[in-house]
């Protein structure tokens, strides 16, 4: 099989990740239950007339995709694959509100057309006049991983040379109200949020957009090499160790070969037990976490994938991400990302230094 390289990694998140100096400036969020992505100046990338018609996730994705292709030095990808959990939430809410307000009559189609989950991939293709393979994966917690696997298979079987892969989700007012009502989001009374040692249910919710160019050939911009991806919908806490060990064994590794493990601790007492169950496997690894920086959302693993690529490229780990702070590992050759959403859609992604 041909190797698969990550030739660029760009992210828009609650951290200032478009800023080159972000790596040492990241700060945790503990005093609020909703995090906003730090938006770039969209006028630098998108004509003003188009900006008004774009939802937040389309705007974020348009910029992240543009910068990702620019960083990888490609003008036209051989495929565009996007993963999203909720799609264009704002436009979906507007359409449904209009349905109720107008009693299902005299509806304009604009918000409906722009609310579909594949709007992001379609808009990127239109902006670049790209007529190649265009696909959107929609799954609550493993949309990015499905997109990465699709891209990996295409590159390994020489059906493509450069694939643009993205993960994006936005938050919208009504959905956030519903999440607060059903306990998905933490109560204000449970703040400040202690993500690692939480005693309360619920999460701090965020948003963001991450895009990557995966290629079959290594370039000057290469961040890392994508080794393997797997996912499973349901898992018991007692099965976590076997799930991870079998994945590593399939890739000719054991837990001691993992130099850093990136875990999706979210501060939710109900579901963080899965991550705690995995920690004994990685006593000889640098243990890291990330959702105190990005918040939880359907494609939060895009933020983790972005950070893992940065760590492998820079060969250093931000202090704000460390769980076992006194532990050091050098060089960092292999990084494993373990993530799930509310105890479902468990995924493992293995990256190595290119």
C-alpha atoms as a PDB file:
ATOM      1  CA  UNK A   1       0.000   0.000   0.000  1.00  0.00           C
ATOM      2  CA  UNK A   2       1.184   3.503  -0.788  1.00  0.00           C
ATOM      3  CA  UNK A   3       1.760   5.800   2.201  1.00  0.00           C
ATOM      4  CA  UNK A   4      -0.750   8.579   2.881  1.00  0.00           C
ATOM      5  CA  UNK A   5       0.686  11.949   3.882  1.00  0.00           C
ATOM      6  CA  UNK A   6      -1.038  14.901   5.507  1.00  0.00           C
ATOM      7  CA  UNK A   7       0.392  17.720   3.398  1.00  0.00           C
ATOM      8  CA  UNK A   8      -1.462  20.548   5.110  1.00  0.00           C
ATOM      9  CA  UNK A   9      -3.558  21.124   8.220  1.00  0.00           C
ATOM     10  CA  UNK A  10      -5.647  24.260   8.802  1.00  0.00           C
ATOM     11  CA  UNK A  11      -8.131  24.871  11.575  1.00  0.00           C
ATOM     12  CA  UNK A  12     -10.604  27.540  12.666  1.00  0.00           C
ATOM     13  CA  UNK A  13     -11.576  26.998  16.291  1.00  0.00           C
ATOM     14  CA  UNK A  14     -12.171  28.629  19.661  1.00  0.00           C
ATOM     15  CA  UNK A  15      -8.392  29.119  19.748  1.00  0.00           C
ATOM     16  CA  UNK A  16      -6.651  31.522  17.380  1.00  0.00           C
ATOM     17  CA  UNK A  17      -5.420  28.620  15.265  1.00  0.00           C
ATOM     18  CA  UNK A  18      -5.019  30.664  12.071  1.00  0.00           C
ATOM     19  CA  UNK A  19      -2.345  32.685  13.866  1.00  0.00           C
ATOM     20  CA  UNK A  20       1.121  31.164  13.408  1.00  0.00           C
ATOM     21  CA  UNK A  21       1.938  31.731  17.084  1.00  0.00           C
ATOM     22  CA  UNK A  22      -1.173  29.934  18.397  1.00  0.00           C
ATOM     23  CA  UNK A  23       0.742  26.808  19.480  1.00  0.00           C
ATOM     24  CA  UNK A  24       2.148  28.436  22.611  1.00  0.00           C
ATOM     25  CA  UNK A  25      -0.782  30.780  23.241  1.00  0.00           C
ATOM     26  CA  UNK A  26      -3.692  28.355  23.672  1.00  0.00           C
ATOM     27  CA  UNK A  27      -5.806  28.865  26.783  1.00  0.00           C
ATOM     28  CA  UNK A  28      -8.443  26.591  28.366  1.00  0.00           C
ATOM     29  CA  UNK A  29     -12.060  27.707  28.643  1.00  0.00           C
ATOM     30  CA  UNK A  30     -13.670  26.885  31.989  1.00  0.00           C
ATOM     31  CA  UNK A  31     -15.978  29.832  32.739  1.00  0.00           C
ATOM     32  CA  UNK A  32     -18.539  29.498  29.929  1.00  0.00           C
ATOM     33  CA  UNK A  33     -20.677  26.680  28.538  1.00  0.00           C
ATOM     34  CA  UNK A  34     -20.675  27.863  24.895  1.00  0.00           C
ATOM     35  CA  UNK A  35     -17.554  28.611  22.863  1.00  0.00           C
ATOM     36  CA  UNK A  36     -17.428  30.642  19.659  1.00  0.00           C
ATOM     37  CA  UNK A  37     -14.916  29.987  16.914  1.00  0.00           C
ATOM     38  CA  UNK A  38     -12.522  32.883  16.319  1.00  0.00           C
ATOM     39  CA  UNK A  39     -13.534  34.075  12.872  1.00  0.00           C
ATOM     40  CA  UNK A  40     -10.995  35.431  10.392  1.00  0.00           C
ATOM     41  CA  UNK A  41     -11.648  38.532   8.328  1.00  0.00           C
ATOM     42  CA  UNK A  42     -13.844  36.826   5.750  1.00  0.00           C
ATOM     43  CA  UNK A  43     -13.553  39.765   3.341  1.00  0.00           C
ATOM     44  CA  UNK A  44      -9.932  38.768   2.763  1.00  0.00           C
ATOM     45  CA  UNK A  45     -11.093  35.448   1.294  1.00  0.00           C
ATOM     46  CA  UNK A  46     -14.714  35.753   0.134  1.00  0.00           C
ATOM     47  CA  UNK A  47     -16.425  38.468  -1.984  1.00  0.00           C
ATOM     48  CA  UNK A  48     -18.696  40.574   0.280  1.00  0.00           C
ATOM     49  CA  UNK A  49     -21.783  39.836  -1.811  1.00  0.00           C
ATOM     50  CA  UNK A  50     -21.326  36.109  -1.180  1.00  0.00           C
ATOM     51  CA  UNK A  51     -20.593  36.462   2.536  1.00  0.00           C
ATOM     52  CA  UNK A  52     -24.124  37.655   3.256  1.00  0.00           C
ATOM     53  CA  UNK A  53     -25.598  34.464   1.797  1.00  0.00           C
ATOM     54  CA  UNK A  54     -23.255  32.077   3.603  1.00  0.00           C
ATOM     55  CA  UNK A  55     -23.856  30.429   6.968  1.00  0.00           C
ATOM     56  CA  UNK A  56     -21.109  30.387   9.565  1.00  0.00           C
ATOM     57  CA  UNK A  57     -19.962  26.842   8.827  1.00  0.00           C
ATOM     58  CA  UNK A  58     -19.797  27.518   5.063  1.00  0.00           C
ATOM     59  CA  UNK A  59     -17.708  30.650   5.652  1.00  0.00           C
ATOM     60  CA  UNK A  60     -15.355  28.895   8.080  1.00  0.00           C
ATOM     61  CA  UNK A  61     -14.964  25.944   5.731  1.00  0.00           C
ATOM     62  CA  UNK A  62     -14.389  28.112   2.653  1.00  0.00           C
ATOM     63  CA  UNK A  63     -11.484  29.867   4.370  1.00  0.00           C
ATOM     64  CA  UNK A  64     -10.007  26.711   5.948  1.00  0.00           C
ATOM     65  CA  UNK A  65     -10.225  24.805   2.656  1.00  0.00           C
ATOM     66  CA  UNK A  66      -8.637  27.678   0.703  1.00  0.00           C
ATOM     67  CA  UNK A  67      -5.739  27.992   3.150  1.00  0.00           C
ATOM     68  CA  UNK A  68      -5.272  24.231   3.284  1.00  0.00           C
ATOM     69  CA  UNK A  69      -4.923  23.936  -0.494  1.00  0.00           C
ATOM     70  CA  UNK A  70      -2.655  26.978  -0.535  1.00  0.00           C
ATOM     71  CA  UNK A  71      -0.437  25.477   2.172  1.00  0.00           C
ATOM     72  CA  UNK A  72      -0.217  22.154   0.309  1.00  0.00           C
ATOM     73  CA  UNK A  73       0.551  23.927  -2.955  1.00  0.00           C
ATOM     74  CA  UNK A  74      -2.344  22.494  -4.975  1.00  0.00           C
ATOM     75  CA  UNK A  75      -4.852  24.366  -7.124  1.00  0.00           C
ATOM     76  CA  UNK A  76      -7.337  21.552  -7.719  1.00  0.00           C
ATOM     77  CA  UNK A  77      -7.955  18.497  -5.506  1.00  0.00           C
ATOM     78  CA  UNK A  78      -8.791  15.112  -7.013  1.00  0.00           C
ATOM     79  CA  UNK A  79     -11.599  14.741  -4.466  1.00  0.00           C
ATOM     80  CA  UNK A  80     -13.414  16.810  -1.846  1.00  0.00           C
ATOM     81  CA  UNK A  81     -14.646  14.895   1.213  1.00  0.00           C
ATOM     82  CA  UNK A  82     -16.302  16.630   4.152  1.00  0.00           C
ATOM     83  CA  UNK A  83     -17.514  15.229   7.478  1.00  0.00           C
ATOM     84  CA  UNK A  84     -20.156  16.990   9.554  1.00  0.00           C
ATOM     85  CA  UNK A  85     -22.477  16.030  12.370  1.00  0.00           C
ATOM     86  CA  UNK A  86     -25.137  18.724  12.113  1.00  0.00           C
ATOM     87  CA  UNK A  87     -24.415  20.468   8.804  1.00  0.00           C
ATOM     88  CA  UNK A  88     -25.631  24.033   8.388  1.00  0.00           C
ATOM     89  CA  UNK A  89     -27.576  24.321  11.645  1.00  0.00           C
ATOM     90  CA  UNK A  90     -28.365  28.036  11.350  1.00  0.00           C
ATOM     91  CA  UNK A  91     -30.030  27.685   7.948  1.00  0.00           C
ATOM     92  CA  UNK A  92     -31.890  24.564   9.098  1.00  0.00           C
ATOM     93  CA  UNK A  93     -33.294  26.504  12.041  1.00  0.00           C
ATOM     94  CA  UNK A  94     -34.289  29.447   9.837  1.00  0.00           C
ATOM     95  CA  UNK A  95     -36.093  27.173   7.399  1.00  0.00           C
ATOM     96  CA  UNK A  96     -37.978  25.323  10.126  1.00  0.00           C
ATOM     97  CA  UNK A  97     -38.868  28.612  11.835  1.00  0.00           C
ATOM     98  CA  UNK A  98     -40.292  29.897   8.550  1.00  0.00           C
ATOM     99  CA  UNK A  99     -42.305  26.699   8.136  1.00  0.00           C
ATOM    100  CA  UNK A 100     -43.922  27.267  11.544  1.00  0.00           C
ATOM    101  CA  UNK A 101     -44.279  31.044  11.232  1.00  0.00           C
ATOM    102  CA  UNK A 102     -45.843  30.904   7.745  1.00  0.00           C
ATOM    103  CA  UNK A 103     -47.947  27.820   8.495  1.00  0.00           C
ATOM    104  CA  UNK A 104     -46.150  25.864   5.763  1.00  0.00           C
ATOM    105  CA  UNK A 105     -47.089  28.374   3.053  1.00  0.00           C
ATOM    106  CA  UNK A 106     -45.191  30.911   0.913  1.00  0.00           C
ATOM    107  CA  UNK A 107     -41.770  29.502   1.807  1.00  0.00           C
ATOM    108  CA  UNK A 108     -38.644  30.758   0.075  1.00  0.00           C
ATOM    109  CA  UNK A 109     -36.335  27.864  -0.827  1.00  0.00           C
ATOM    110  CA  UNK A 110     -33.022  29.598  -0.008  1.00  0.00           C
ATOM    111  CA  UNK A 111     -32.633  28.454   3.605  1.00  0.00           C
ATOM    112  CA  UNK A 112     -33.739  24.925   2.700  1.00  0.00           C
ATOM    113  CA  UNK A 113     -31.216  24.681  -0.137  1.00  0.00           C
ATOM    114  CA  UNK A 114     -28.416  25.987   2.077  1.00  0.00           C
ATOM    115  CA  UNK A 115     -29.372  23.826   5.063  1.00  0.00           C
ATOM    116  CA  UNK A 116     -28.424  20.486   3.494  1.00  0.00           C
ATOM    117  CA  UNK A 117     -25.392  18.772   4.976  1.00  0.00           C
ATOM    118  CA  UNK A 118     -23.520  18.649   1.663  1.00  0.00           C
ATOM    119  CA  UNK A 119     -23.718  22.437   1.203  1.00  0.00           C
ATOM    120  CA  UNK A 120     -20.133  22.851   2.463  1.00  0.00           C
ATOM    121  CA  UNK A 121     -18.568  20.382   0.028  1.00  0.00           C
ATOM    122  CA  UNK A 122     -20.693  21.774  -2.793  1.00  0.00           C
ATOM    123  CA  UNK A 123     -19.753  25.395  -2.109  1.00  0.00           C
ATOM    124  CA  UNK A 124     -16.033  24.522  -2.031  1.00  0.00           C
ATOM    125  CA  UNK A 125     -16.369  22.680  -5.349  1.00  0.00           C
ATOM    126  CA  UNK A 126     -18.237  25.618  -6.919  1.00  0.00           C
ATOM    127  CA  UNK A 127     -15.652  28.125  -5.694  1.00  0.00           C
ATOM    128  CA  UNK A 128     -12.857  26.072  -7.255  1.00  0.00           C
ATOM    129  CA  UNK A 129     -14.728  24.838 -10.351  1.00  0.00           C
ATOM    130  CA  UNK A 130     -13.950  21.324  -9.168  1.00  0.00           C
ATOM    131  CA  UNK A 131     -15.930  18.553 -10.922  1.00  0.00           C
ATOM    132  CA  UNK A 132     -14.159  15.690  -9.145  1.00  0.00           C
ATOM    133  CA  UNK A 133     -15.497  13.205  -6.567  1.00  0.00           C
ATOM    134  CA  UNK A 134     -17.495  15.150  -3.974  1.00  0.00           C
ATOM    135  CA  UNK A 135     -18.858  13.435  -0.902  1.00  0.00           C
ATOM    136  CA  UNK A 136     -20.190  14.327   2.542  1.00  0.00           C
ATOM    137  CA  UNK A 137     -20.239  11.963   5.524  1.00  0.00           C
ATOM    138  CA  UNK A 138     -22.856  12.664   8.185  1.00  0.00           C
ATOM    139  CA  UNK A 139     -22.534  10.855  11.475  1.00  0.00           C
ATOM    140  CA  UNK A 140     -22.870  12.221  15.025  1.00  0.00           C
ATOM    141  CA  UNK A 141     -19.311  11.534  16.172  1.00  0.00           C
ATOM    142  CA  UNK A 142     -17.213   9.831  13.485  1.00  0.00           C
ATOM    143  CA  UNK A 143     -17.828  11.880  10.314  1.00  0.00           C
ATOM    144  CA  UNK A 144     -14.192  12.998  10.045  1.00  0.00           C
ATOM    145  CA  UNK A 145     -12.888   9.486  10.569  1.00  0.00           C
ATOM    146  CA  UNK A 146     -15.145   8.163   7.787  1.00  0.00           C
ATOM    147  CA  UNK A 147     -13.887  10.955   5.522  1.00  0.00           C
ATOM    148  CA  UNK A 148     -10.251  10.152   6.341  1.00  0.00           C
ATOM    149  CA  UNK A 149     -10.799   6.458   5.630  1.00  0.00           C
ATOM    150  CA  UNK A 150     -12.429   7.232   2.274  1.00  0.00           C
ATOM    151  CA  UNK A 151      -9.537   9.518   1.298  1.00  0.00           C
ATOM    152  CA  UNK A 152      -6.967   6.989   2.495  1.00  0.00           C
ATOM    153  CA  UNK A 153      -8.479   4.209   0.390  1.00  0.00           C
ATOM    154  CA  UNK A 154      -8.584   6.398  -2.710  1.00  0.00           C
ATOM    155  CA  UNK A 155      -4.931   7.390  -2.314  1.00  0.00           C
ATOM    156  CA  UNK A 156      -3.755   3.849  -1.561  1.00  0.00           C
ATOM    157  CA  UNK A 157      -5.523   2.494  -4.635  1.00  0.00           C
ATOM    158  CA  UNK A 158      -4.176   5.324  -6.806  1.00  0.00           C
ATOM    159  CA  UNK A 159      -7.605   6.726  -7.602  1.00  0.00           C
ATOM    160  CA  UNK A 160      -6.402  10.163  -6.456  1.00  0.00           C
ATOM    161  CA  UNK A 161      -3.152  11.990  -5.714  1.00  0.00           C
ATOM    162  CA  UNK A 162      -4.434  14.849  -3.549  1.00  0.00           C
ATOM    163  CA  UNK A 163      -7.666  14.800  -1.540  1.00  0.00           C
ATOM    164  CA  UNK A 164      -9.157  17.708   0.381  1.00  0.00           C
ATOM    165  CA  UNK A 165     -10.696  16.426   3.624  1.00  0.00           C
ATOM    166  CA  UNK A 166     -12.672  18.583   6.034  1.00  0.00           C
ATOM    167  CA  UNK A 167     -14.582  18.434   9.307  1.00  0.00           C
ATOM    168  CA  UNK A 168     -16.972  21.212  10.246  1.00  0.00           C
ATOM    169  CA  UNK A 169     -19.827  22.057  12.612  1.00  0.00           C
ATOM    170  CA  UNK A 170     -21.388  25.269  13.847  1.00  0.00           C
ATOM    171  CA  UNK A 171     -23.603  25.959  16.836  1.00  0.00           C
ATOM    172  CA  UNK A 172     -26.950  27.711  16.543  1.00  0.00           C
ATOM    173  CA  UNK A 173     -29.177  29.384  19.168  1.00  0.00           C
ATOM    174  CA  UNK A 174     -32.222  27.076  19.213  1.00  0.00           C
ATOM    175  CA  UNK A 175     -30.186  23.861  19.144  1.00  0.00           C
ATOM    176  CA  UNK A 176     -28.091  25.120  22.035  1.00  0.00           C
ATOM    177  CA  UNK A 177     -31.263  25.874  24.008  1.00  0.00           C
ATOM    178  CA  UNK A 178     -32.439  22.308  23.437  1.00  0.00           C
ATOM    179  CA  UNK A 179     -29.036  20.895  24.427  1.00  0.00           C
ATOM    180  CA  UNK A 180     -29.191  22.859  27.664  1.00  0.00           C
ATOM    181  CA  UNK A 181     -32.698  21.594  28.375  1.00  0.00           C
ATOM    182  CA  UNK A 182     -31.776  17.921  27.882  1.00  0.00           C
ATOM    183  CA  UNK A 183     -28.536  18.162  29.873  1.00  0.00           C
ATOM    184  CA  UNK A 184     -26.095  17.788  26.963  1.00  0.00           C
ATOM    185  CA  UNK A 185     -24.539  21.129  27.921  1.00  0.00           C
ATOM    186  CA  UNK A 186     -23.372  21.817  31.464  1.00  0.00           C
ATOM    187  CA  UNK A 187     -25.398  23.972  33.813  1.00  0.00           C
ATOM    188  CA  UNK A 188     -23.972  27.392  34.669  1.00  0.00           C
ATOM    189  CA  UNK A 189     -23.934  26.253  38.310  1.00  0.00           C
ATOM    190  CA  UNK A 190     -21.339  23.575  37.441  1.00  0.00           C
ATOM    191  CA  UNK A 191     -18.788  26.148  36.283  1.00  0.00           C
ATOM    192  CA  UNK A 192     -15.843  26.503  36.305  1.00  0.00           C
ATOM    193  CA  UNK A 193     -15.626  23.292  34.318  1.00  0.00           C
ATOM    194  CA  UNK A 194     -12.918  20.821  35.331  1.00  0.00           C
ATOM    195  CA  UNK A 195     -12.593  18.705  32.210  1.00  0.00           C
ATOM    196  CA  UNK A 196     -10.239  16.093  33.672  1.00  0.00           C
ATOM    197  CA  UNK A 197     -11.848  15.663  37.088  1.00  0.00           C
ATOM    198  CA  UNK A 198     -15.468  16.514  36.465  1.00  0.00           C
ATOM    199  CA  UNK A 199     -18.153  15.751  39.047  1.00  0.00           C
ATOM    200  CA  UNK A 200     -21.058  16.857  36.848  1.00  0.00           C
ATOM    201  CA  UNK A 201     -22.795  15.746  33.656  1.00  0.00           C
ATOM    202  CA  UNK A 202     -22.785  17.730  30.427  1.00  0.00           C
ATOM    203  CA  UNK A 203     -20.104  19.422  28.357  1.00  0.00           C
ATOM    204  CA  UNK A 204     -18.883  22.820  27.234  1.00  0.00           C
ATOM    205  CA  UNK A 205     -20.056  23.074  23.597  1.00  0.00           C
ATOM    206  CA  UNK A 206     -17.958  24.558  20.807  1.00  0.00           C
ATOM    207  CA  UNK A 207     -17.674  24.759  17.032  1.00  0.00           C
ATOM    208  CA  UNK A 208     -15.025  24.813  14.358  1.00  0.00           C
ATOM    209  CA  UNK A 209     -13.799  23.857  10.923  1.00  0.00           C
ATOM    210  CA  UNK A 210     -10.665  21.868  10.063  1.00  0.00           C
ATOM    211  CA  UNK A 211      -9.365  21.044   6.586  1.00  0.00           C
ATOM    212  CA  UNK A 212      -6.482  18.882   5.425  1.00  0.00           C
ATOM    213  CA  UNK A 213      -4.914  17.900   2.133  1.00  0.00           C
ATOM    214  CA  UNK A 214      -4.006  14.228   2.054  1.00  0.00           C
ATOM    215  CA  UNK A 215      -1.588  13.145  -0.648  1.00  0.00           C
ATOM    216  CA  UNK A 216       0.225  10.069  -1.933  1.00  0.00           C
ATOM    217  CA  UNK A 217       3.502  11.981  -2.188  1.00  0.00           C
ATOM    218  CA  UNK A 218       5.458  13.761   0.519  1.00  0.00           C
ATOM    219  CA  UNK A 219       6.078  17.479   0.091  1.00  0.00           C
ATOM    220  CA  UNK A 220       7.856  20.309   1.892  1.00  0.00           C
ATOM    221  CA  UNK A 221       4.637  21.126   3.750  1.00  0.00           C
ATOM    222  CA  UNK A 222       4.007  17.559   4.953  1.00  0.00           C
ATOM    223  CA  UNK A 223       2.911  17.413   8.595  1.00  0.00           C
ATOM    224  CA  UNK A 224       2.599  13.694   9.233  1.00  0.00           C
ATOM    225  CA  UNK A 225       1.683  10.318   7.786  1.00  0.00           C
ATOM    226  CA  UNK A 226      -1.790   8.860   8.302  1.00  0.00           C
ATOM    227  CA  UNK A 227      -1.303   5.223   9.272  1.00  0.00           C
ATOM    228  CA  UNK A 228      -4.764   3.922  10.147  1.00  0.00           C
ATOM    229  CA  UNK A 229      -8.310   4.845  11.157  1.00  0.00           C
ATOM    230  CA  UNK A 230     -11.051   2.771  12.740  1.00  0.00           C
ATOM    231  CA  UNK A 231     -14.363   3.377  14.481  1.00  0.00           C
ATOM    232  CA  UNK A 232     -17.152   1.504  16.236  1.00  0.00           C
ATOM    233  CA  UNK A 233     -20.585   2.737  17.255  1.00  0.00           C
ATOM    234  CA  UNK A 234     -21.042   1.118  20.684  1.00  0.00           C
ATOM    235  CA  UNK A 235     -18.489  -0.005  23.250  1.00  0.00           C
ATOM    236  CA  UNK A 236     -18.515  -0.924  26.938  1.00  0.00           C
ATOM    237  CA  UNK A 237     -15.931   0.674  29.240  1.00  0.00           C
ATOM    238  CA  UNK A 238     -14.566  -2.806  29.970  1.00  0.00           C
ATOM    239  CA  UNK A 239     -13.903  -3.289  26.237  1.00  0.00           C
ATOM    240  CA  UNK A 240     -11.828  -0.130  25.709  1.00  0.00           C
ATOM    241  CA  UNK A 241      -8.436  -1.739  26.382  1.00  0.00           C
ATOM    242  CA  UNK A 242      -9.102  -4.595  23.960  1.00  0.00           C
ATOM    243  CA  UNK A 243     -10.433  -2.204  21.303  1.00  0.00           C
ATOM    244  CA  UNK A 244      -7.254  -0.114  21.438  1.00  0.00           C
ATOM    245  CA  UNK A 245      -4.837  -3.036  21.826  1.00  0.00           C
ATOM    246  CA  UNK A 246      -6.299  -4.896  18.837  1.00  0.00           C
ATOM    247  CA  UNK A 247      -6.084  -1.754  16.697  1.00  0.00           C
ATOM    248  CA  UNK A 248      -2.431  -1.240  17.622  1.00  0.00           C
ATOM    249  CA  UNK A 249      -1.616  -4.920  17.056  1.00  0.00           C
ATOM    250  CA  UNK A 250      -3.166  -4.730  13.588  1.00  0.00           C
ATOM    251  CA  UNK A 251      -0.724  -1.891  12.881  1.00  0.00           C
ATOM    252  CA  UNK A 252       2.288  -3.777  14.326  1.00  0.00           C
ATOM    253  CA  UNK A 253       2.485  -1.664  17.483  1.00  0.00           C
ATOM    254  CA  UNK A 254       1.905  -2.083  21.172  1.00  0.00           C
ATOM    255  CA  UNK A 255       0.894   0.587  23.670  1.00  0.00           C
ATOM    256  CA  UNK A 256       4.500   1.365  24.632  1.00  0.00           C
ATOM    257  CA  UNK A 257       5.219   2.327  20.992  1.00  0.00           C
ATOM    258  CA  UNK A 258       2.674   5.164  21.223  1.00  0.00           C
ATOM    259  CA  UNK A 259       4.682   8.267  22.074  1.00  0.00           C
ATOM    260  CA  UNK A 260       1.606  10.441  22.682  1.00  0.00           C
ATOM    261  CA  UNK A 261      -2.072   9.665  23.087  1.00  0.00           C
ATOM    262  CA  UNK A 262      -4.644  12.403  22.530  1.00  0.00           C
ATOM    263  CA  UNK A 263      -7.855  11.760  24.504  1.00  0.00           C
ATOM    264  CA  UNK A 264     -11.208  13.492  24.129  1.00  0.00           C
ATOM    265  CA  UNK A 265     -11.986  14.224  27.797  1.00  0.00           C
ATOM    266  CA  UNK A 266     -15.069  16.468  27.663  1.00  0.00           C
ATOM    267  CA  UNK A 267     -15.924  17.009  31.337  1.00  0.00           C
ATOM    268  CA  UNK A 268     -19.020  14.795  31.115  1.00  0.00           C
ATOM    269  CA  UNK A 269     -19.072  12.495  34.142  1.00  0.00           C
ATOM    270  CA  UNK A 270     -21.220   9.937  32.306  1.00  0.00           C
ATOM    271  CA  UNK A 271     -18.925   9.335  29.356  1.00  0.00           C
ATOM    272  CA  UNK A 272     -15.371  10.289  30.384  1.00  0.00           C
ATOM    273  CA  UNK A 273     -14.965   6.889  32.042  1.00  0.00           C
ATOM    274  CA  UNK A 274     -14.012   5.460  28.645  1.00  0.00           C
ATOM    275  CA  UNK A 275     -10.931   7.686  28.519  1.00  0.00           C
ATOM    276  CA  UNK A 276      -9.999   6.889  32.104  1.00  0.00           C
ATOM    277  CA  UNK A 277     -10.208   3.189  31.239  1.00  0.00           C
ATOM    278  CA  UNK A 278      -7.624   3.714  28.498  1.00  0.00           C
ATOM    279  CA  UNK A 279      -5.043   5.537  30.642  1.00  0.00           C
ATOM    280  CA  UNK A 280      -3.382   2.403  32.150  1.00  0.00           C
ATOM    281  CA  UNK A 281      -2.402   1.329  28.626  1.00  0.00           C
ATOM    282  CA  UNK A 282      -0.364   4.495  28.160  1.00  0.00           C
ATOM    283  CA  UNK A 283       1.741   4.786  31.302  1.00  0.00           C
ATOM    284  CA  UNK A 284       4.807   5.132  29.045  1.00  0.00           C
ATOM    285  CA  UNK A 285       3.208   7.680  26.723  1.00  0.00           C
ATOM    286  CA  UNK A 286       2.653  11.398  26.838  1.00  0.00           C
ATOM    287  CA  UNK A 287      -1.036  11.674  27.772  1.00  0.00           C
ATOM    288  CA  UNK A 288      -2.822  14.676  26.266  1.00  0.00           C
ATOM    289  CA  UNK A 289      -6.342  16.129  26.115  1.00  0.00           C
ATOM    290  CA  UNK A 290      -7.899  18.856  23.969  1.00  0.00           C
ATOM    291  CA  UNK A 291     -11.599  19.640  24.523  1.00  0.00           C
ATOM    292  CA  UNK A 292     -10.854  22.168  27.273  1.00  0.00           C
ATOM    293  CA  UNK A 293      -9.401  24.186  24.368  1.00  0.00           C
ATOM    294  CA  UNK A 294     -12.044  23.588  21.681  1.00  0.00           C
ATOM    295  CA  UNK A 295     -15.189  22.499  23.455  1.00  0.00           C
ATOM    296  CA  UNK A 296     -17.164  19.391  22.554  1.00  0.00           C
ATOM    297  CA  UNK A 297     -18.969  19.149  19.214  1.00  0.00           C
ATOM    298  CA  UNK A 298     -19.689  16.529  16.582  1.00  0.00           C
ATOM    299  CA  UNK A 299     -16.436  16.991  14.684  1.00  0.00           C
ATOM    300  CA  UNK A 300     -14.185  18.047  17.576  1.00  0.00           C
ATOM    301  CA  UNK A 301     -11.794  15.293  16.470  1.00  0.00           C
ATOM    302  CA  UNK A 302     -10.886  17.618  13.575  1.00  0.00           C
ATOM    303  CA  UNK A 303      -9.286  19.936  16.133  1.00  0.00           C
ATOM    304  CA  UNK A 304      -7.462  16.959  17.652  1.00  0.00           C
ATOM    305  CA  UNK A 305      -6.254  15.790  14.226  1.00  0.00           C
ATOM    306  CA  UNK A 306      -4.991  19.290  13.502  1.00  0.00           C
ATOM    307  CA  UNK A 307      -3.102  19.443  16.832  1.00  0.00           C
ATOM    308  CA  UNK A 308      -1.617  15.971  16.373  1.00  0.00           C
ATOM    309  CA  UNK A 309      -0.211  17.016  12.994  1.00  0.00           C
ATOM    310  CA  UNK A 310       1.256  20.162  14.538  1.00  0.00           C
ATOM    311  CA  UNK A 311       2.877  18.183  17.364  1.00  0.00           C
ATOM    312  CA  UNK A 312       4.503  15.723  14.954  1.00  0.00           C
ATOM    313  CA  UNK A 313       5.726  18.510  12.695  1.00  0.00           C
ATOM    314  CA  UNK A 314       7.068  20.710  15.500  1.00  0.00           C
ATOM    315  CA  UNK A 315       8.213  17.834  17.764  1.00  0.00           C
ATOM    316  CA  UNK A 316       6.933  19.565  20.896  1.00  0.00           C
ATOM    317  CA  UNK A 317       3.825  19.441  23.070  1.00  0.00           C
ATOM    318  CA  UNK A 318       2.016  22.482  24.523  1.00  0.00           C
ATOM    319  CA  UNK A 319       1.985  22.352  28.330  1.00  0.00           C
ATOM    320  CA  UNK A 320      -1.725  23.207  28.386  1.00  0.00           C
ATOM    321  CA  UNK A 321      -2.533  19.831  26.767  1.00  0.00           C
ATOM    322  CA  UNK A 322      -0.596  17.559  29.150  1.00  0.00           C
ATOM    323  CA  UNK A 323      -2.273  15.194  31.604  1.00  0.00           C
ATOM    324  CA  UNK A 324       0.897  13.572  32.983  1.00  0.00           C
ATOM    325  CA  UNK A 325       2.787  16.867  33.069  1.00  0.00           C
ATOM    326  CA  UNK A 326       6.132  15.522  34.299  1.00  0.00           C
ATOM    327  CA  UNK A 327       6.351  12.871  31.580  1.00  0.00           C
ATOM    328  CA  UNK A 328       8.480  13.646  28.525  1.00  0.00           C
ATOM    329  CA  UNK A 329       8.973  11.685  25.323  1.00  0.00           C
ATOM    330  CA  UNK A 330      11.430  12.582  22.611  1.00  0.00           C
ATOM    331  CA  UNK A 331      11.295  12.126  19.680  1.00  0.00           C
ATOM    332  CA  UNK A 332       7.549  11.883  19.074  1.00  0.00           C
ATOM    333  CA  UNK A 333       7.057   9.343  16.292  1.00  0.00           C
ATOM    334  CA  UNK A 334       3.536   7.968  16.808  1.00  0.00           C
ATOM    335  CA  UNK A 335       0.376   9.708  18.019  1.00  0.00           C
ATOM    336  CA  UNK A 336      -2.917   7.956  18.711  1.00  0.00           C
ATOM    337  CA  UNK A 337      -6.190   9.928  18.888  1.00  0.00           C
ATOM    338  CA  UNK A 338      -9.073   8.342  20.816  1.00  0.00           C
ATOM    339  CA  UNK A 339     -12.400  10.133  20.689  1.00  0.00           C
ATOM    340  CA  UNK A 340     -16.118   9.508  21.141  1.00  0.00           C
ATOM    341  CA  UNK A 341     -19.296  11.582  21.427  1.00  0.00           C
ATOM    342  CA  UNK A 342     -21.507  10.988  24.492  1.00  0.00           C
ATOM    343  CA  UNK A 343     -20.193   7.434  24.816  1.00  0.00           C
ATOM    344  CA  UNK A 344     -20.959   6.498  21.185  1.00  0.00           C
ATOM    345  CA  UNK A 345     -19.048   6.543  17.879  1.00  0.00           C
ATOM    346  CA  UNK A 346     -15.666   5.576  19.307  1.00  0.00           C
ATOM    347  CA  UNK A 347     -12.806   6.254  16.924  1.00  0.00           C
ATOM    348  CA  UNK A 348      -9.048   5.646  16.806  1.00  0.00           C
ATOM    349  CA  UNK A 349      -6.713   7.511  14.464  1.00  0.00           C
ATOM    350  CA  UNK A 350      -3.018   6.697  14.214  1.00  0.00           C
ATOM    351  CA  UNK A 351      -0.520   9.233  12.885  1.00  0.00           C
ATOM    352  CA  UNK A 352       3.245   8.959  12.611  1.00  0.00           C
ATOM    353  CA  UNK A 353       6.097  11.301  11.873  1.00  0.00           C
ATOM    354  CA  UNK A 354       6.644  11.618   8.141  1.00  0.00           C
END
